[in-house]
Structures are given as structure tokens and as C-alpha cells.
C-alpha atoms as a PDB file:
ATOM      1  CA  MET A   1     -95.334-102.661-112.684  1.00  0.00           C
ATOM      2  CA  LYS A   2     -98.417-104.076-114.309  1.00  0.00           C
ATOM      3  CA  LEU A   3    -101.727-103.468-112.512  1.00  0.00           C
ATOM      4  CA  TYR A   4    -105.018-105.312-112.595  1.00  0.00           C
ATOM      5  CA  GLY A   5    -108.002-104.910-110.327  1.00  0.00           C
ATOM      6  CA  VAL A   6    -110.668-107.174-108.905  1.00  0.00           C
ATOM      7  CA  VAL A   7    -113.869-105.310-108.045  1.00  0.00           C
ATOM      8  CA  GLY A   8    -117.384-106.200-107.027  1.00  0.00           C
ATOM      9  CA  TRP A   9    -120.000-105.532-104.412  1.00  0.00           C
ATOM     10  CA  LYS A  10    -119.816-106.991-100.900  1.00  0.00           C
ATOM     11  CA  ASN A  11    -119.866-110.823-100.830  1.00  0.00           C
ATOM     12  CA  ALA A  12    -119.336-111.044-104.603  1.00  0.00           C
ATOM     13  CA  GLY A  13    -116.284-113.295-104.272  1.00  0.00           C
ATOM     14  CA  LYS A  14    -113.495-110.720-104.673  1.00  0.00           C
ATOM     15  CA  THR A  15    -111.202-111.990-101.935  1.00  0.00           C
ATOM     16  CA  GLY A  16    -111.540-115.644-102.905  1.00  0.00           C
ATOM     17  CA  LEU A  17    -110.801-114.757-106.532  1.00  0.00           C
ATOM     18  CA  MET A  18    -107.798-112.655-105.465  1.00  0.00           C
ATOM     19  CA  GLU A  19    -106.437-115.511-103.367  1.00  0.00           C
ATOM     20  CA  ARG A  20    -106.818-118.028-106.208  1.00  0.00           C
ATOM     21  CA  LEU A  21    -105.274-115.619-108.730  1.00  0.00           C
ATOM     22  CA  VAL A  22    -102.230-114.975-106.545  1.00  0.00           C
ATOM     23  CA  THR A  23    -101.702-118.726-106.146  1.00  0.00           C
ATOM     24  CA  GLU A  24    -102.175-119.388-109.873  1.00  0.00           C
ATOM     25  CA  ILE A  25    -100.032-116.520-111.147  1.00  0.00           C
ATOM     26  CA  THR A  26     -97.171-116.990-108.682  1.00  0.00           C
ATOM     27  CA  GLY A  27     -97.296-120.695-109.533  1.00  0.00           C
ATOM     28  CA  ARG A  28     -96.476-119.683-113.106  1.00  0.00           C
ATOM     29  CA  GLY A  29     -93.302-117.972-111.912  1.00  0.00           C
ATOM     30  CA  PHE A  30     -94.460-114.347-111.766  1.00  0.00           C
ATOM     31  CA  SER A  31     -94.003-112.130-108.718  1.00  0.00           C
ATOM     32  CA  VAL A  32     -97.265-110.665-107.420  1.00  0.00           C
ATOM     33  CA  SER A  33     -98.121-108.076-104.779  1.00  0.00           C
ATOM     34  CA  THR A  34    -101.605-107.103-103.670  1.00  0.00           C
ATOM     35  CA  VAL A  35    -103.357-103.956-102.528  1.00  0.00           C
ATOM     36  CA  LYS A  36    -106.658-104.243-100.646  1.00  0.00           C
ATOM     37  CA  HIS A  37    -108.949-101.291-100.000  1.00  0.00           C
ATOM     38  CA  ALA A  38    -110.845-101.378 -96.715  1.00  0.00           C
ATOM     39  CA  HIS A  39    -113.961 -99.240 -96.305  1.00  0.00           C
ATOM     40  CA  HIS A  40    -113.701 -99.209 -92.555  1.00  0.00           C
ATOM     41  CA  SER A  41    -111.169 -98.803 -89.818  1.00  0.00           C
ATOM     42  CA  PHE A  42    -108.901-101.805 -89.485  1.00  0.00           C
ATOM     43  CA  ASP A  43    -105.954-102.757 -87.354  1.00  0.00           C
ATOM     44  CA  VAL A  44    -103.075-105.132 -87.957  1.00  0.00           C
ATOM     45  CA  ASP A  45    -101.907-104.573 -84.426  1.00  0.00           C
ATOM     46  CA  HIS A  46    -103.319-105.510 -81.039  1.00  0.00           C
ATOM     47  CA  ALA A  47    -103.746-103.653 -77.766  1.00  0.00           C
ATOM     48  CA  GLY A  48    -100.879-104.189 -75.385  1.00  0.00           C
ATOM     49  CA  LYS A  49     -98.279-105.016 -78.053  1.00  0.00           C
ATOM     50  CA  ASP A  50     -95.237-102.732 -78.198  1.00  0.00           C
ATOM     51  CA  SER A  51     -96.019-101.461 -81.697  1.00  0.00           C
ATOM     52  CA  PHE A  52     -99.619-100.695 -80.666  1.00  0.00           C
ATOM     53  CA  ARG A  53     -98.294 -98.742 -77.695  1.00  0.00           C
ATOM     54  CA  HIS A  54     -95.965 -96.779 -79.997  1.00  0.00           C
ATOM     55  CA  ARG A  55     -98.914 -95.775 -82.219  1.00  0.00           C
ATOM     56  CA  GLU A  56    -101.103 -94.928 -79.232  1.00  0.00           C
ATOM     57  CA  ALA A  57     -98.306 -92.713 -77.933  1.00  0.00           C
ATOM     58  CA  GLY A  58     -98.515 -90.677 -81.151  1.00  0.00           C
ATOM     59  CA  ALA A  59     -95.966 -92.117 -83.581  1.00  0.00           C
ATOM     60  CA  SER A  60     -96.727 -91.246 -87.213  1.00  0.00           C
ATOM     61  CA  GLN A  61     -95.159 -94.441 -88.507  1.00  0.00           C
ATOM     62  CA  VAL A  62     -94.296 -97.698 -86.802  1.00  0.00           C
ATOM     63  CA  LEU A  63     -92.198-100.286 -88.592  1.00  0.00           C
ATOM     64  CA  LEU A  64     -92.150-103.832 -87.254  1.00  0.00           C
ATOM     65  CA  ALA A  65     -89.365-106.056 -88.485  1.00  0.00           C
ATOM     66  CA  SER A  66     -88.372-109.665 -87.969  1.00  0.00           C
ATOM     67  CA  ARG A  67     -86.461-112.212 -90.001  1.00  0.00           C
ATOM     68  CA  ASN A  68     -89.803-113.381 -91.493  1.00  0.00           C
ATOM     69  CA  ARG A  69     -91.559-110.141 -92.455  1.00  0.00           C
ATOM     70  CA  ILE A  70     -91.797-106.390 -92.058  1.00  0.00           C
ATOM     71  CA  ALA A  71     -94.894-104.261 -91.575  1.00  0.00           C
ATOM     72  CA  LEU A  72     -95.039-100.490 -91.835  1.00  0.00           C
ATOM     73  CA  MET A  73     -98.026 -98.812 -90.247  1.00  0.00           C
ATOM     74  CA  HIS A  74     -98.694 -95.175 -91.032  1.00  0.00           C
ATOM     75  CA  GLU A  75    -101.225 -93.330 -88.911  1.00  0.00           C
ATOM     76  CA  LEU A  76    -103.150 -90.780 -90.969  1.00  0.00           C
ATOM     77  CA  ARG A  77    -104.348 -88.894 -87.874  1.00  0.00           C
ATOM     78  CA  GLY A  78    -107.039 -87.017 -89.787  1.00  0.00           C
ATOM     79  CA  ALA A  79    -105.137 -86.619 -93.059  1.00  0.00           C
ATOM     80  CA  PRO A  80    -107.046 -87.667 -96.188  1.00  0.00           C
ATOM     81  CA  GLU A  81    -106.851 -91.255 -97.414  1.00  0.00           C
ATOM     82  CA  PRO A  82    -103.893 -91.583 -99.815  1.00  0.00           C
ATOM     83  CA  ALA A  83    -104.628 -92.044-103.514  1.00  0.00           C
ATOM     84  CA  LEU A  84    -103.932 -95.435-105.057  1.00  0.00           C
ATOM     85  CA  ASP A  85    -100.972 -94.157-107.099  1.00  0.00           C
ATOM     86  CA  MET A  86     -99.287 -92.891-103.933  1.00  0.00           C
ATOM     87  CA  LEU A  87     -99.722 -96.303-102.308  1.00  0.00           C
ATOM     88  CA  LEU A  88     -98.434 -98.133-105.394  1.00  0.00           C
ATOM     89  CA  ALA A  89     -95.291 -95.978-105.361  1.00  0.00           C
ATOM     90  CA  GLN A  90     -94.421 -97.496-101.987  1.00  0.00           C
ATOM     91  CA  LEU A  91     -94.391-101.093-103.274  1.00  0.00           C
ATOM     92  CA  ALA A  92     -91.233-102.929-104.290  1.00  0.00           C
ATOM     93  CA  PRO A  93     -91.139-103.808-108.002  1.00  0.00           C
ATOM     94  CA  VAL A  94     -92.991-106.995-109.004  1.00  0.00           C
ATOM     95  CA  ASP A  95     -94.373-108.411-112.228  1.00  0.00           C
ATOM     96  CA  LEU A  96     -98.016-107.773-111.296  1.00  0.00           C
ATOM     97  CA  VAL A  97     -99.952-105.895-108.640  1.00  0.00           C
ATOM     98  CA  LEU A  98    -103.480-107.193-108.080  1.00  0.00           C
ATOM     99  CA  ILE A  99    -105.747-104.579-106.551  1.00  0.00           C
ATOM    100  CA  GLU A 100    -108.881-105.529-104.620  1.00  0.00           C
ATOM    101  CA  GLY A 101    -111.333-102.666-104.515  1.00  0.00           C
ATOM    102  CA  TYR A 102    -110.632 -99.153-105.774  1.00  0.00           C
ATOM    103  CA  LYS A 103    -113.498 -99.623-108.217  1.00  0.00           C
ATOM    104  CA  ARG A 104    -113.612 -95.918-109.101  1.00  0.00           C
ATOM    105  CA  ASP A 105    -109.974 -95.796-110.244  1.00  0.00           C
ATOM    106  CA  ALA A 106    -109.142 -96.114-113.951  1.00  0.00           C
ATOM    107  CA  HIS A 107    -106.888 -99.202-113.992  1.00  0.00           C
ATOM    108  CA  PRO A 108    -108.227-102.297-115.818  1.00  0.00           C
ATOM    109  CA  LYS A 109    -110.385-104.600-113.718  1.00  0.00           C
ATOM    110  CA  ILE A 110    -112.342-107.810-113.653  1.00  0.00           C
ATOM    111  CA  GLU A 111    -115.622-107.815-111.753  1.00  0.00           C
ATOM    112  CA  ALA A 112    -116.489-110.641-109.382  1.00  0.00           C
ATOM    113  CA  HIS A 113    -120.251-111.168-109.394  1.00  0.00           C
ATOM    114  CA  ARG A 114    -122.514-113.544-107.478  1.00  0.00           C
ATOM    115  CA  ALA A 115    -126.221-113.590-108.300  1.00  0.00           C
ATOM    116  CA  VAL A 116    -127.217-114.235-104.671  1.00  0.00           C
ATOM    117  CA  THR A 117    -126.124-110.703-103.686  1.00  0.00           C
ATOM    118  CA  GLY A 118    -128.799-109.187-105.943  1.00  0.00           C
ATOM    119  CA  ASN A 119    -126.485-106.347-106.942  1.00  0.00           C
ATOM    120  CA  PRO A 120    -126.300-104.936-110.464  1.00  0.00           C
ATOM    121  CA  LEU A 121    -123.148-105.352-112.527  1.00  0.00           C
ATOM    122  CA  ILE A 122    -120.581-102.590-112.138  1.00  0.00           C
ATOM    123  CA  ALA A 123    -119.353-103.434-115.658  1.00  0.00           C
ATOM    124  CA  SER A 124    -122.573-102.164-117.233  1.00  0.00           C
ATOM    125  CA  ASP A 125    -121.543 -98.561-116.521  1.00  0.00           C
ATOM    126  CA  ASP A 126    -117.756 -98.824-116.237  1.00  0.00           C
ATOM    127  CA  PRO A 127    -115.522 -99.380-119.288  1.00  0.00           C
ATOM    128  CA  SER A 128    -112.479 -99.987-117.039  1.00  0.00           C
ATOM    129  CA  VAL A 129    -114.109-103.311-116.089  1.00  0.00           C
ATOM    130  CA  ARG A 130    -112.686-105.422-118.899  1.00  0.00           C
ATOM    131  CA  ALA A 131    -114.390-108.729-117.967  1.00  0.00           C
ATOM    132  CA  VAL A 132    -116.775-110.313-115.477  1.00  0.00           C
ATOM    133  CA  ALA A 133    -116.306-113.480-113.430  1.00  0.00           C
ATOM    134  CA  SER A 134    -119.755-114.689-112.379  1.00  0.00           C
ATOM    135  CA  ASP A 135    -121.542-117.690-110.925  1.00  0.00           C
ATOM    136  CA  VAL A 136    -124.397-117.204-113.433  1.00  0.00           C
ATOM    137  CA  SER A 137    -124.620-116.611-117.163  1.00  0.00           C
ATOM    138  CA  VAL A 138    -124.285-112.918-118.003  1.00  0.00           C
ATOM    139  CA  THR A 139    -124.773-111.259-121.386  1.00  0.00           C
ATOM    140  CA  LEU A 140    -122.304-108.441-121.782  1.00  0.00           C
ATOM    141  CA  ASP A 141    -120.189-106.732-124.447  1.00  0.00           C
ATOM    142  CA  ARG A 142    -116.969-108.105-122.920  1.00  0.00           C
ATOM    143  CA  PRO A 143    -115.650-111.481-121.752  1.00  0.00           C
ATOM    144  CA  VAL A 144    -117.550-113.365-119.053  1.00  0.00           C
ATOM    145  CA  PHE A 145    -115.881-116.184-117.119  1.00  0.00           C
ATOM    146  CA  ASN A 146    -117.108-118.691-114.583  1.00  0.00           C
ATOM    147  CA  LEU A 147    -116.156-117.238-111.199  1.00  0.00           C
ATOM    148  CA  ASP A 148    -114.368-120.486-110.293  1.00  0.00           C
ATOM    149  CA  ASP A 149    -112.361-120.802-113.527  1.00  0.00           C
ATOM    150  CA  THR A 150    -109.169-119.362-112.095  1.00  0.00           C
ATOM    151  CA  VAL A 151    -106.909-120.667-114.877  1.00  0.00           C
ATOM    152  CA  LEU A 152    -108.896-118.937-117.659  1.00  0.00           C
ATOM    153  CA  ILE A 153    -109.216-115.749-115.621  1.00  0.00           C
ATOM    154  CA  ALA A 154    -105.458-115.727-114.940  1.00  0.00           C
ATOM    155  CA  ASP A 155    -104.773-116.347-118.646  1.00  0.00           C
ATOM    156  CA  PHE A 156    -106.999-113.370-119.525  1.00  0.00           C
ATOM    157  CA  ILE A 157    -105.364-111.028-116.996  1.00  0.00           C
ATOM    158  CA  LEU A 158    -101.838-112.004-118.000  1.00  0.00           C
ATOM    159  CA  ARG A 159    -102.687-111.418-121.679  1.00  0.00           C
ATOM    160  CA  GLU A 160    -104.273-108.071-120.805  1.00  0.00           C
ATOM    161  CA  VAL A 161    -101.128-106.828-119.023  1.00  0.00           C
ATOM    162  CA  GLY A 162     -98.678-108.358-121.500  1.00  0.00           C
ATOM    163  CA  LEU A 163     -97.138-111.020-119.270  1.00  0.00           C
END
């Protein structure tokens, strides 16, 4: 599987860019999966639902299945957060995996950047950031795209991964 990341500070436009890239790249006939890192506790389940009750009772894994989708929840229960490569090994094969977050990992990335956040560029100190998508002009030693130019960004990523 080919991997490409989207990184950036909070409110930089990562999720919007991810969403547009998935739409654009799948529209070109490629299969795409995504991985999203969350820095906080999250839940895809709700109190009172059967699967929630299974987890609360102590189940290590709960798999929900229907004719429309499946979801596998794995409770870490104090174990360390799994490394990205371990998570990727659990995905079914696709043409491209887009990864939101995991900015410290070594896979190639594009940085989403919005001037209003006031944050410095990650790319300045990280060679794994191969390009920047920004809402302002940025001078850098690698490609810079308009944050809203999804077609050019998708072209760049697909070239980078050889698709």
C-alpha cells in the first residue's frame, strides 16, 4: 500500500483537505483508506448501546457488523498506543492510505497551513514534509500549493507515490 500523510497544527485545515483528497482520488478510480490520529479520548459508541455495554463489561475487542459496515473497537486498557505500522497492518489492501496526523512518523506528508492560526511551519524542520498547502504565500525549498487547490495537490500526491 502507498502511504501519504496530511499534517498541520490544530485548525490548519487538515480534515477538510483529507476529505477533499479522498473525494478527488477515489473519483479518479483509486481505492483509498484513511487513518486519523486523535490526541484525546474518543468514542464511536454511545452509552446504553449493546456494544458499549460489552466494552464496559470488560471486553478487549468488540466487533459490530451489519450489512452496511463493520467496526472493530479495541480497548487498550492501559496498554501503550499502537504504532502506526501496527495499525496499517490491520487495513485491507487499497491503492492509497491517507494519514491525518502522525506528524512525527517518517512517511511522506503534505502540511496544511492557515496563517490565522499563527503557528510556524512544520516543514521548516521536517524533511518528511514534501510540500505545503497554505492559504498564504510561503517561501520554501519544496512545492507550495493553494490549500483549496485539491486537484493539483492530488496530482502531486499521486505522482509522489507512483499512482
